[in-house]
Amino acid sequence: MAGTSWTPAEDAAIAELYPESDTRDLTEAMNERFGTSRTSSAIRQRAIKLGIRKAEGHKHPGRKTFWNDERREWFCAFVPGHSEAEISAEHERVFGEPLTSGQIGSAKTVFGVKSGTVGGRFEPGHETWNKGRTWDELGIPEESRRRSAATQFKKGEVHDRPDGWIKPIGFERVNRDGYIEVKVRDSISDGPQPRVPGKYNCNYRFKHHVVWEQAHGEPVPDGCNVVFADGDKRNFDPDNLVAIPRSVWSTIMRNGMEYYDAESLAACANLAKLYQSIRAAENAPRACRSCGAEFEPRYPHQRTCDVCLGRVEGGGSE
């Protein structure tokens, strides 16, 4: 039986017959000879384990390969520009048997050809078989009609599922970064969400942004982050929410400045602005101390232009 150990006689038969035999025919013959019920896959795996391979160029003389040279040549020539239905119908006309969707798809992959059509999907303009037909014409029983009608949506009707799928305005949720988001609009009543670059869901906004705007009576300035001064993402006291330009905020984070409240955060922001001013001054154009020409330094302490240093030819700034 399949799953039992292999006998020396079975291994000897595989070694002798596998290289020149069709695996399915060999499986049938061995099961009959040894009283087993092994599969072709089991025979193949056993041969691999024994290091036995098919003879080079082996083809079973008693079984014709479906995709012979004639079919393959016809397939590659006919497929471009034709749908699966057309390919199957034409194959049936030429060779006497239709092709399945799986056969067509596999052959396209193996032979490297494409039809350039929508394949097995409905083509544009396709009409369903039941379009315009009434329940009477379709023969749908009265009981089935009542069950169907009970679950149909009416125009303009909104059903709130038991799990609260449609959330009310003001509903809050926590995103993956631990920030609270609040629902501020509803696609059902307010129309489709506006397409805003970089935002995937305009129905929700950060709660700390909403609270900051309510306290200041204006939108959060462009290019600013609203920061929790004490680091607590659940402290929505307006005094704890500070709008900081992103360039300043990145300098604070890059330099690892620590803050604990609004006052210390303001000090960090001022220090970050000072760092930015120093960096801008270090990279500002200056006069060469050798020739007097103005140049843009490559590093903060460069006082001689590249021309005088011999790094470039000619005069003037680069």
C-alpha atoms as a PDB file:
ATOM      1  CA  MET A   1       0.000   0.000   0.000  1.00  0.00           C
ATOM      2  CA  ALA A   2       1.014   3.645  -0.508  1.00  0.00           C
ATOM      3  CA  GLY A   3       3.052   4.848   2.407  1.00  0.00           C
ATOM      4  CA  THR A   4       4.708   1.445   3.118  1.00  0.00           C
ATOM      5  CA  SER A   5       8.448   0.912   2.794  1.00  0.00           C
ATOM      6  CA  TRP A   6       9.908   0.187  -0.607  1.00  0.00           C
ATOM      7  CA  THR A   7      11.094  -3.348  -1.243  1.00  0.00           C
ATOM      8  CA  PRO A   8      14.362  -4.195  -3.043  1.00  0.00           C
ATOM      9  CA  ALA A   9      12.292  -5.726  -5.853  1.00  0.00           C
ATOM     10  CA  GLU A  10      10.400  -2.450  -6.385  1.00  0.00           C
ATOM     11  CA  ASP A  11      13.637  -0.458  -6.413  1.00  0.00           C
ATOM     12  CA  ALA A  12      15.122  -2.875  -8.948  1.00  0.00           C
ATOM     13  CA  ALA A  13      12.036  -2.504 -11.179  1.00  0.00           C
ATOM     14  CA  ILE A  14      12.250   1.274 -11.017  1.00  0.00           C
ATOM     15  CA  ALA A  15      15.963   1.223 -11.850  1.00  0.00           C
ATOM     16  CA  GLU A  16      15.334  -1.030 -14.850  1.00  0.00           C
ATOM     17  CA  LEU A  17      12.126   0.402 -16.275  1.00  0.00           C
ATOM     18  CA  TYR A  18      11.829   4.069 -15.186  1.00  0.00           C
ATOM     19  CA  PRO A  19      14.348   5.580 -17.638  1.00  0.00           C
ATOM     20  CA  GLU A  20      12.538   4.291 -20.754  1.00  0.00           C
ATOM     21  CA  SER A  21       8.917   3.999 -19.501  1.00  0.00           C
ATOM     22  CA  ASP A  22       6.035   6.404 -19.162  1.00  0.00           C
ATOM     23  CA  THR A  23       5.591   7.042 -15.434  1.00  0.00           C
ATOM     24  CA  ARG A  24       1.829   6.436 -15.480  1.00  0.00           C
ATOM     25  CA  ASP A  25       2.189   3.149 -17.347  1.00  0.00           C
ATOM     26  CA  LEU A  26       4.997   2.082 -15.029  1.00  0.00           C
ATOM     27  CA  THR A  27       2.856   2.906 -11.965  1.00  0.00           C
ATOM     28  CA  GLU A  28      -0.018   0.733 -13.211  1.00  0.00           C
ATOM     29  CA  ALA A  29       2.337  -2.130 -14.039  1.00  0.00           C
ATOM     30  CA  MET A  30       4.123  -2.027 -10.674  1.00  0.00           C
ATOM     31  CA  ASN A  31       0.894  -1.809  -8.665  1.00  0.00           C
ATOM     32  CA  GLU A  32      -0.411  -4.885 -10.491  1.00  0.00           C
ATOM     33  CA  ARG A  33       2.880  -6.762 -10.125  1.00  0.00           C
ATOM     34  CA  PHE A  34       3.526  -6.022  -6.457  1.00  0.00           C
ATOM     35  CA  GLY A  35      -0.060  -5.644  -5.202  1.00  0.00           C
ATOM     36  CA  THR A  36       0.442  -2.000  -4.178  1.00  0.00           C
ATOM     37  CA  SER A  37      -1.546   1.185  -4.785  1.00  0.00           C
ATOM     38  CA  ARG A  38       1.225   3.706  -5.223  1.00  0.00           C
ATOM     39  CA  THR A  39       0.741   6.924  -7.203  1.00  0.00           C
ATOM     40  CA  SER A  40       2.725   8.206 -10.156  1.00  0.00           C
ATOM     41  CA  SER A  41       4.058  10.962  -7.940  1.00  0.00           C
ATOM     42  CA  ALA A  42       5.344   8.397  -5.433  1.00  0.00           C
ATOM     43  CA  ILE A  43       7.110   6.462  -8.202  1.00  0.00           C
ATOM     44  CA  ARG A  44       8.674   9.679  -9.516  1.00  0.00           C
ATOM     45  CA  GLN A  45       9.874  10.765  -6.057  1.00  0.00           C
ATOM     46  CA  ARG A  46      11.327   7.317  -5.365  1.00  0.00           C
ATOM     47  CA  ALA A  47      13.231   7.421  -8.653  1.00  0.00           C
ATOM     48  CA  ILE A  48      14.638  10.847  -7.758  1.00  0.00           C
ATOM     49  CA  LYS A  49      15.711   9.565  -4.345  1.00  0.00           C
ATOM     50  CA  LEU A  50      17.464   6.591  -6.012  1.00  0.00           C
ATOM     51  CA  GLY A  51      19.215   8.963  -8.428  1.00  0.00           C
ATOM     52  CA  ILE A  52      17.426   7.562 -11.478  1.00  0.00           C
ATOM     53  CA  ARG A  53      16.473   9.893 -14.317  1.00  0.00           C
ATOM     54  CA  LYS A  54      14.600   9.580 -17.565  1.00  0.00           C
ATOM     55  CA  ALA A  55      16.722   8.677 -20.565  1.00  0.00           C
ATOM     56  CA  GLU A  56      17.757  11.707 -22.625  1.00  0.00           C
ATOM     57  CA  GLY A  57      15.178  12.498 -25.309  1.00  0.00           C
ATOM     58  CA  HIS A  58      12.759   9.923 -23.867  1.00  0.00           C
ATOM     59  CA  LYS A  59       9.250  10.038 -25.303  1.00  0.00           C
ATOM     60  CA  HIS A  60       6.661   7.388 -24.664  1.00  0.00           C
ATOM     61  CA  PRO A  61       5.790   5.907 -28.094  1.00  0.00           C
ATOM     62  CA  GLY A  62       2.295   4.899 -27.092  1.00  0.00           C
ATOM     63  CA  ARG A  63       1.027   8.317 -25.974  1.00  0.00           C
ATOM     64  CA  LYS A  64       0.935  11.413 -28.201  1.00  0.00           C
ATOM     65  CA  THR A  65       1.934  14.751 -26.707  1.00  0.00           C
ATOM     66  CA  PHE A  66      -1.050  17.108 -26.781  1.00  0.00           C
ATOM     67  CA  TRP A  67       0.973  20.171 -27.734  1.00  0.00           C
ATOM     68  CA  ASN A  68       2.784  18.765 -30.742  1.00  0.00           C
ATOM     69  CA  ASP A  69       4.574  20.965 -33.258  1.00  0.00           C
ATOM     70  CA  GLU A  70       1.442  21.474 -35.359  1.00  0.00           C
ATOM     71  CA  ARG A  71      -0.762  22.601 -32.455  1.00  0.00           C
ATOM     72  CA  ARG A  72       1.947  24.787 -30.987  1.00  0.00           C
ATOM     73  CA  GLU A  73       2.581  26.545 -34.296  1.00  0.00           C
ATOM     74  CA  TRP A  74      -1.156  27.108 -34.821  1.00  0.00           C
ATOM     75  CA  PHE A  75      -1.620  28.362 -31.239  1.00  0.00           C
ATOM     76  CA  CYS A  76       1.202  30.927 -31.410  1.00  0.00           C
ATOM     77  CA  ALA A  77      -0.086  32.251 -34.738  1.00  0.00           C
ATOM     78  CA  PHE A  78      -3.793  32.444 -33.832  1.00  0.00           C
ATOM     79  CA  VAL A  79      -3.761  33.679 -30.209  1.00  0.00           C
ATOM     80  CA  PRO A  80      -2.769  37.367 -30.707  1.00  0.00           C
ATOM     81  CA  GLY A  81      -5.909  39.504 -30.955  1.00  0.00           C
ATOM     82  CA  HIS A  82      -8.363  36.709 -30.041  1.00  0.00           C
ATOM     83  CA  SER A  83     -10.303  36.046 -26.858  1.00  0.00           C
ATOM     84  CA  GLU A  84     -10.314  32.728 -24.995  1.00  0.00           C
ATOM     85  CA  ALA A  85     -13.737  31.866 -26.419  1.00  0.00           C
ATOM     86  CA  GLU A  86     -12.497  32.481 -29.962  1.00  0.00           C
ATOM     87  CA  ILE A  87      -9.314  30.460 -29.377  1.00  0.00           C
ATOM     88  CA  SER A  88     -11.270  27.506 -27.994  1.00  0.00           C
ATOM     89  CA  ALA A  89     -13.838  27.584 -30.801  1.00  0.00           C
ATOM     90  CA  GLU A  90     -11.198  27.792 -33.536  1.00  0.00           C
ATOM     91  CA  HIS A  91      -9.170  24.979 -31.959  1.00  0.00           C
ATOM     92  CA  GLU A  92     -12.294  22.819 -31.959  1.00  0.00           C
ATOM     93  CA  ARG A  93     -12.897  23.622 -35.637  1.00  0.00           C
ATOM     94  CA  VAL A  94      -9.328  22.811 -36.643  1.00  0.00           C
ATOM     95  CA  PHE A  95      -8.453  19.911 -34.315  1.00  0.00           C
ATOM     96  CA  GLY A  96     -11.870  18.581 -33.336  1.00  0.00           C
ATOM     97  CA  GLU A  97     -11.801  19.438 -29.598  1.00  0.00           C
ATOM     98  CA  PRO A  98     -12.196  22.682 -27.617  1.00  0.00           C
ATOM     99  CA  LEU A  99      -9.614  24.074 -25.210  1.00  0.00           C
ATOM    100  CA  THR A 100     -10.349  24.818 -21.575  1.00  0.00           C
ATOM    101  CA  SER A 101      -9.507  28.154 -19.977  1.00  0.00           C
ATOM    102  CA  GLY A 102      -6.735  26.448 -17.997  1.00  0.00           C
ATOM    103  CA  GLN A 103      -5.197  24.916 -21.121  1.00  0.00           C
ATOM    104  CA  ILE A 104      -5.189  28.280 -22.873  1.00  0.00           C
ATOM    105  CA  GLY A 105      -3.674  30.104 -19.918  1.00  0.00           C
ATOM    106  CA  SER A 106      -0.961  27.493 -19.395  1.00  0.00           C
ATOM    107  CA  ALA A 107      -0.085  27.404 -23.090  1.00  0.00           C
ATOM    108  CA  LYS A 108       0.187  31.201 -23.228  1.00  0.00           C
ATOM    109  CA  THR A 109       2.663  31.099 -20.368  1.00  0.00           C
ATOM    110  CA  VAL A 110       4.720  28.209 -21.755  1.00  0.00           C
ATOM    111  CA  PHE A 111       4.829  29.485 -25.336  1.00  0.00           C
ATOM    112  CA  GLY A 112       5.246  33.119 -24.369  1.00  0.00           C
ATOM    113  CA  VAL A 113       2.324  34.549 -26.349  1.00  0.00           C
ATOM    114  CA  LYS A 114      -0.380  37.049 -25.380  1.00  0.00           C
ATOM    115  CA  SER A 115      -3.813  37.601 -26.848  1.00  0.00           C
ATOM    116  CA  GLY A 116      -3.922  41.317 -26.015  1.00  0.00           C
ATOM    117  CA  THR A 117      -7.589  41.010 -25.016  1.00  0.00           C
ATOM    118  CA  VAL A 118      -9.371  40.884 -21.660  1.00  0.00           C
ATOM    119  CA  GLY A 119      -8.937  37.109 -21.576  1.00  0.00           C
ATOM    120  CA  GLY A 120     -11.542  35.225 -19.557  1.00  0.00           C
ATOM    121  CA  ARG A 121     -13.128  38.348 -18.102  1.00  0.00           C
ATOM    122  CA  PHE A 122     -16.249  40.042 -19.415  1.00  0.00           C
ATOM    123  CA  GLU A 123     -15.382  42.301 -22.316  1.00  0.00           C
ATOM    124  CA  PRO A 124     -16.453  45.985 -22.274  1.00  0.00           C
ATOM    125  CA  GLY A 125     -20.114  46.298 -23.248  1.00  0.00           C
ATOM    126  CA  HIS A 126     -20.941  42.722 -22.256  1.00  0.00           C
ATOM    127  CA  GLU A 127     -24.546  42.307 -21.129  1.00  0.00           C
ATOM    128  CA  THR A 128     -25.517  39.783 -18.478  1.00  0.00           C
ATOM    129  CA  TRP A 129     -27.832  36.945 -19.423  1.00  0.00           C
ATOM    130  CA  ASN A 130     -30.599  38.138 -17.060  1.00  0.00           C
ATOM    131  CA  LYS A 131     -30.547  41.834 -17.978  1.00  0.00           C
ATOM    132  CA  GLY A 132     -34.079  43.220 -18.359  1.00  0.00           C
ATOM    133  CA  ARG A 133     -35.737  39.944 -17.375  1.00  0.00           C
ATOM    134  CA  THR A 134     -38.400  39.967 -14.675  1.00  0.00           C
ATOM    135  CA  TRP A 135     -38.707  37.565 -11.757  1.00  0.00           C
ATOM    136  CA  ASP A 136     -41.606  35.900 -13.542  1.00  0.00           C
ATOM    137  CA  GLU A 137     -39.510  35.332 -16.651  1.00  0.00           C
ATOM    138  CA  LEU A 138     -36.707  33.929 -14.504  1.00  0.00           C
ATOM    139  CA  GLY A 139     -39.100  31.665 -12.627  1.00  0.00           C
ATOM    140  CA  ILE A 140     -38.063  32.837  -9.152  1.00  0.00           C
ATOM    141  CA  PRO A 141     -40.447  31.525  -6.417  1.00  0.00           C
ATOM    142  CA  GLU A 142     -42.439  33.997  -4.316  1.00  0.00           C
ATOM    143  CA  GLU A 143     -40.609  33.016  -1.112  1.00  0.00           C
ATOM    144  CA  SER A 144     -37.228  33.727  -2.717  1.00  0.00           C
ATOM    145  CA  ARG A 145     -38.512  37.102  -3.902  1.00  0.00           C
ATOM    146  CA  ARG A 146     -39.528  38.118  -0.385  1.00  0.00           C
ATOM    147  CA  ARG A 147     -36.139  37.140   1.035  1.00  0.00           C
ATOM    148  CA  SER A 148     -34.354  39.091  -1.697  1.00  0.00           C
ATOM    149  CA  ALA A 149     -36.548  42.183  -1.310  1.00  0.00           C
ATOM    150  CA  ALA A 150     -35.940  42.254   2.451  1.00  0.00           C
ATOM    151  CA  THR A 151     -32.203  42.768   1.958  1.00  0.00           C
ATOM    152  CA  GLN A 152     -32.311  45.202  -0.951  1.00  0.00           C
ATOM    153  CA  PHE A 153     -31.156  48.795  -0.452  1.00  0.00           C
ATOM    154  CA  LYS A 154     -33.557  51.534  -1.387  1.00  0.00           C
ATOM    155  CA  LYS A 155     -32.289  54.669  -3.102  1.00  0.00           C
ATOM    156  CA  GLY A 156     -30.741  57.019  -0.522  1.00  0.00           C
ATOM    157  CA  GLU A 157     -31.090  54.452   2.277  1.00  0.00           C
ATOM    158  CA  VAL A 158     -28.231  53.709   4.677  1.00  0.00           C
ATOM    159  CA  HIS A 159     -28.195  50.631   6.886  1.00  0.00           C
ATOM    160  CA  ASP A 160     -26.021  50.592   9.994  1.00  0.00           C
ATOM    161  CA  ARG A 161     -24.758  47.073  10.503  1.00  0.00           C
ATOM    162  CA  PRO A 162     -24.830  45.527  14.001  1.00  0.00           C
ATOM    163  CA  ASP A 163     -21.039  45.823  14.253  1.00  0.00           C
ATOM    164  CA  GLY A 164     -21.248  49.595  13.760  1.00  0.00           C
ATOM    165  CA  TRP A 165     -19.623  49.609  10.314  1.00  0.00           C
ATOM    166  CA  ILE A 166     -20.901  53.138   9.568  1.00  0.00           C
ATOM    167  CA  LYS A 167     -19.340  55.250  12.315  1.00  0.00           C
ATOM    168  CA  PRO A 168     -20.956  58.528  13.446  1.00  0.00           C
ATOM    169  CA  ILE A 169     -19.284  61.926  13.231  1.00  0.00           C
ATOM    170  CA  GLY A 170     -17.045  62.353  16.285  1.00  0.00           C
ATOM    171  CA  PHE A 171     -16.143  58.646  16.459  1.00  0.00           C
ATOM    172  CA  GLU A 172     -12.546  58.168  17.634  1.00  0.00           C
ATOM    173  CA  ARG A 173     -10.031  55.489  16.781  1.00  0.00           C
ATOM    174  CA  VAL A 174      -6.329  54.845  17.453  1.00  0.00           C
ATOM    175  CA  ASN A 175      -3.972  54.491  14.489  1.00  0.00           C
ATOM    176  CA  ARG A 176      -0.911  52.281  14.282  1.00  0.00           C
ATOM    177  CA  ASP A 177       1.349  55.041  15.671  1.00  0.00           C
ATOM    178  CA  GLY A 178      -0.779  55.485  18.794  1.00  0.00           C
ATOM    179  CA  TYR A 179      -2.399  58.786  17.764  1.00  0.00           C
ATOM    180  CA  ILE A 180      -6.146  59.289  18.164  1.00  0.00           C
ATOM    181  CA  GLU A 181      -8.077  60.089  14.980  1.00  0.00           C
ATOM    182  CA  VAL A 182     -11.577  61.549  14.994  1.00  0.00           C
ATOM    183  CA  LYS A 183     -14.207  61.245  12.268  1.00  0.00           C
ATOM    184  CA  VAL A 184     -15.040  64.719  10.910  1.00  0.00           C
ATOM    185  CA  ARG A 185     -17.072  63.928   7.783  1.00  0.00           C
ATOM    186  CA  ASP A 186     -19.138  61.132   6.243  1.00  0.00           C
ATOM    187  CA  SER A 187     -18.899  59.991   2.645  1.00  0.00           C
ATOM    188  CA  ILE A 188     -22.555  58.916   2.771  1.00  0.00           C
ATOM    189  CA  SER A 189     -23.927  62.377   3.597  1.00  0.00           C
ATOM    190  CA  ASP A 190     -21.050  64.674   2.567  1.00  0.00           C
ATOM    191  CA  GLY A 191     -20.254  63.006  -0.740  1.00  0.00           C
ATOM    192  CA  PRO A 192     -17.129  61.143  -1.908  1.00  0.00           C
ATOM    193  CA  GLN A 193     -13.890  61.939  -0.129  1.00  0.00           C
ATOM    194  CA  PRO A 194     -11.843  64.690  -1.788  1.00  0.00           C
ATOM    195  CA  ARG A 195      -8.650  63.555  -3.443  1.00  0.00           C
ATOM    196  CA  VAL A 196      -5.849  65.036  -1.358  1.00  0.00           C
ATOM    197  CA  PRO A 197      -2.259  64.014  -2.255  1.00  0.00           C
ATOM    198  CA  GLY A 198      -0.672  61.984   0.506  1.00  0.00           C
ATOM    199  CA  LYS A 199      -3.944  61.347   2.350  1.00  0.00           C
ATOM    200  CA  TYR A 200      -5.811  58.078   1.980  1.00  0.00           C
ATOM    201  CA  ASN A 201      -8.797  58.909   4.203  1.00  0.00           C
ATOM    202  CA  CYS A 202     -10.126  62.455   4.542  1.00  0.00           C
ATOM    203  CA  ASN A 203     -13.041  61.400   6.753  1.00  0.00           C
ATOM    204  CA  TYR A 204     -10.671  61.173   9.727  1.00  0.00           C
ATOM    205  CA  ARG A 205      -8.233  63.733  11.149  1.00  0.00           C
ATOM    206  CA  PHE A 206      -5.790  63.764  14.038  1.00  0.00           C
ATOM    207  CA  LYS A 207      -7.660  64.757  17.178  1.00  0.00           C
ATOM    208  CA  HIS A 208      -4.813  66.981  18.390  1.00  0.00           C
ATOM    209  CA  HIS A 209      -4.988  68.915  15.096  1.00  0.00           C
ATOM    210  CA  VAL A 210      -8.734  69.408  15.497  1.00  0.00           C
ATOM    211  CA  VAL A 211      -8.338  70.568  19.121  1.00  0.00           C
ATOM    212  CA  TRP A 212      -5.510  72.981  18.177  1.00  0.00           C
ATOM    213  CA  GLU A 213      -7.634  74.520  15.402  1.00  0.00           C
ATOM    214  CA  GLN A 214     -10.624  74.921  17.707  1.00  0.00           C
ATOM    215  CA  ALA A 215      -8.443  76.698  20.288  1.00  0.00           C
ATOM    216  CA  HIS A 216      -6.745  79.034  17.800  1.00  0.00           C
ATOM    217  CA  GLY A 217      -9.621  79.577  15.380  1.00  0.00           C
ATOM    218  CA  GLU A 218      -7.517  78.808  12.293  1.00  0.00           C
ATOM    219  CA  PRO A 219      -6.158  75.779  10.406  1.00  0.00           C
ATOM    220  CA  VAL A 220      -2.837  74.275  11.371  1.00  0.00           C
ATOM    221  CA  PRO A 221      -0.214  76.311   9.434  1.00  0.00           C
ATOM    222  CA  ASP A 222       1.219  74.617   6.355  1.00  0.00           C
ATOM    223  CA  GLY A 223       4.519  72.909   7.052  1.00  0.00           C
ATOM    224  CA  CYS A 224       3.889  72.608  10.795  1.00  0.00           C
ATOM    225  CA  ASN A 225       3.534  69.680  13.174  1.00  0.00           C
ATOM    226  CA  VAL A 226       1.317  69.862  16.248  1.00  0.00           C
ATOM    227  CA  VAL A 227       3.435  68.482  19.118  1.00  0.00           C
ATOM    228  CA  PHE A 228       2.385  67.214  22.562  1.00  0.00           C
ATOM    229  CA  ALA A 229       4.571  69.381  24.815  1.00  0.00           C
ATOM    230  CA  ASP A 230       4.647  66.828  27.661  1.00  0.00           C
ATOM    231  CA  GLY A 231       4.955  63.834  25.307  1.00  0.00           C
ATOM    232  CA  ASP A 232       1.573  62.417  26.359  1.00  0.00           C
ATOM    233  CA  LYS A 233      -0.504  61.598  23.272  1.00  0.00           C
ATOM    234  CA  ARG A 234      -3.637  61.591  25.405  1.00  0.00           C
ATOM    235  CA  ASN A 235      -3.242  65.086  26.883  1.00  0.00           C
ATOM    236  CA  PHE A 236      -5.382  67.295  24.642  1.00  0.00           C
ATOM    237  CA  ASP A 237      -5.178  70.407  26.794  1.00  0.00           C
ATOM    238  CA  PRO A 238      -4.792  73.266  24.253  1.00  0.00           C
ATOM    239  CA  ASP A 239      -1.840  74.593  26.286  1.00  0.00           C
ATOM    240  CA  ASN A 240      -0.120  71.234  25.757  1.00  0.00           C
ATOM    241  CA  LEU A 241      -0.422  71.402  21.948  1.00  0.00           C
ATOM    242  CA  VAL A 242       2.273  73.431  20.167  1.00  0.00           C
ATOM    243  CA  ALA A 243       2.564  74.035  16.402  1.00  0.00           C
ATOM    244  CA  ILE A 244       6.210  73.807  15.310  1.00  0.00           C
ATOM    245  CA  PRO A 245       7.619  74.146  11.754  1.00  0.00           C
ATOM    246  CA  ARG A 246       8.747  70.773  10.432  1.00  0.00           C
ATOM    247  CA  SER A 247      12.270  72.060   9.714  1.00  0.00           C
ATOM    248  CA  VAL A 248      12.610  73.117  13.363  1.00  0.00           C
ATOM    249  CA  TRP A 249      11.056  69.869  14.585  1.00  0.00           C
ATOM    250  CA  SER A 250      13.485  67.785  12.507  1.00  0.00           C
ATOM    251  CA  THR A 251      16.420  69.696  14.047  1.00  0.00           C
ATOM    252  CA  ILE A 252      15.052  69.011  17.541  1.00  0.00           C
ATOM    253  CA  MET A 253      14.698  65.307  16.808  1.00  0.00           C
ATOM    254  CA  ARG A 254      18.046  65.041  15.009  1.00  0.00           C
ATOM    255  CA  ASN A 255      19.918  66.577  17.933  1.00  0.00           C
ATOM    256  CA  GLY A 256      18.010  64.578  20.554  1.00  0.00           C
ATOM    257  CA  MET A 257      16.801  67.645  22.426  1.00  0.00           C
ATOM    258  CA  GLU A 258      14.700  66.750  25.464  1.00  0.00           C
ATOM    259  CA  TYR A 259      11.578  68.660  26.527  1.00  0.00           C
ATOM    260  CA  TYR A 260       8.970  68.124  29.240  1.00  0.00           C
ATOM    261  CA  ASP A 261       6.402  70.885  28.868  1.00  0.00           C
ATOM    262  CA  ALA A 262       5.466  73.841  26.663  1.00  0.00           C
ATOM    263  CA  GLU A 263       8.196  76.035  28.153  1.00  0.00           C
ATOM    264  CA  SER A 264      11.024  73.537  27.615  1.00  0.00           C
ATOM    265  CA  LEU A 265       9.683  72.746  24.121  1.00  0.00           C
ATOM    266  CA  ALA A 266       9.787  76.458  23.247  1.00  0.00           C
ATOM    267  CA  ALA A 267      13.406  76.603  24.471  1.00  0.00           C
ATOM    268  CA  CYS A 268      14.273  73.612  22.261  1.00  0.00           C
ATOM    269  CA  ALA A 269      12.610  75.312  19.285  1.00  0.00           C
ATOM    270  CA  ASN A 270      14.634  78.497  19.850  1.00  0.00           C
ATOM    271  CA  LEU A 271      17.835  76.479  20.148  1.00  0.00           C
ATOM    272  CA  ALA A 272      17.001  74.596  16.952  1.00  0.00           C
ATOM    273  CA  LYS A 273      16.463  77.891  15.124  1.00  0.00           C
ATOM    274  CA  LEU A 274      19.854  79.074  16.404  1.00  0.00           C
ATOM    275  CA  TYR A 275      21.473  75.883  15.051  1.00  0.00           C
ATOM    276  CA  GLN A 276      19.842  76.523  11.691  1.00  0.00           C
ATOM    277  CA  SER A 277      21.093  80.132  11.628  1.00  0.00           C
ATOM    278  CA  ILE A 278      24.632  78.999  12.456  1.00  0.00           C
ATOM    279  CA  ARG A 279      24.549  76.391   9.700  1.00  0.00           C
ATOM    280  CA  ALA A 280      23.226  78.935   7.203  1.00  0.00           C
ATOM    281  CA  ALA A 281      26.024  81.366   8.161  1.00  0.00           C
ATOM    282  CA  GLU A 282      28.673  78.642   7.837  1.00  0.00           C
ATOM    283  CA  ASN A 283      27.496  77.868   4.294  1.00  0.00           C
ATOM    284  CA  ALA A 284      26.943  81.456   3.184  1.00  0.00           C
ATOM    285  CA  PRO A 285      28.974  82.852   0.217  1.00  0.00           C
ATOM    286  CA  ARG A 286      32.142  84.691   1.295  1.00  0.00           C
ATOM    287  CA  ALA A 287      35.144  86.563  -0.117  1.00  0.00           C
ATOM    288  CA  CYS A 288      38.317  84.601  -0.782  1.00  0.00           C
ATOM    289  CA  ARG A 289      41.121  85.778   1.485  1.00  0.00           C
ATOM    290  CA  SER A 290      43.634  85.311  -1.336  1.00  0.00           C
ATOM    291  CA  CYS A 291      41.990  86.824  -4.435  1.00  0.00           C
ATOM    292  CA  GLY A 292      38.970  88.555  -2.929  1.00  0.00           C
ATOM    293  CA  ALA A 293      36.472  86.824  -5.278  1.00  0.00           C
ATOM    294  CA  GLU A 294      33.176  85.691  -3.788  1.00  0.00           C
ATOM    295  CA  PHE A 295      32.661  81.913  -3.658  1.00  0.00           C
ATOM    296  CA  GLU A 296      30.392  79.300  -2.064  1.00  0.00           C
ATOM    297  CA  PRO A 297      32.311  77.179   0.469  1.00  0.00           C
ATOM    298  CA  ARG A 298      32.319  73.412   0.342  1.00  0.00           C
ATOM    299  CA  TYR A 299      32.770  73.186   4.124  1.00  0.00           C
ATOM    300  CA  PRO A 300      32.099  75.650   6.970  1.00  0.00           C
ATOM    301  CA  HIS A 301      35.687  76.789   7.601  1.00  0.00           C
ATOM    302  CA  GLN A 302      36.785  77.202   3.985  1.00  0.00           C
ATOM    303  CA  ARG A 303      38.323  80.676   3.525  1.00  0.00           C
ATOM    304  CA  THR A 304      40.142  80.225   0.195  1.00  0.00           C
ATOM    305  CA  CYS A 305      38.264  79.604  -3.064  1.00  0.00           C
ATOM    306  CA  ASP A 306      38.833  76.479  -5.094  1.00  0.00           C
ATOM    307  CA  VAL A 307      40.577  78.442  -7.841  1.00  0.00           C
ATOM    308  CA  CYS A 308      43.279  79.611  -5.482  1.00  0.00           C
ATOM    309  CA  LEU A 309      43.484  76.143  -4.000  1.00  0.00           C
ATOM    310  CA  GLY A 310      44.094  74.760  -7.498  1.00  0.00           C
ATOM    311  CA  ARG A 311      41.029  72.565  -7.503  1.00  0.00           C
ATOM    312  CA  VAL A 312      39.521  74.246 -10.586  1.00  0.00           C
ATOM    313  CA  GLU A 313      40.906  76.292 -13.458  1.00  0.00           C
ATOM    314  CA  GLY A 314      40.010  79.905 -14.278  1.00  0.00           C
ATOM    315  CA  GLY A 315      38.858  82.723 -12.038  1.00  0.00           C
ATOM    316  CA  GLY A 316      35.695  83.824 -10.315  1.00  0.00           C
ATOM    317  CA  SER A 317      33.266  81.827  -8.275  1.00  0.00           C
ATOM    318  CA  GLU A 318      32.029  78.376  -9.285  1.00  0.00           C
END
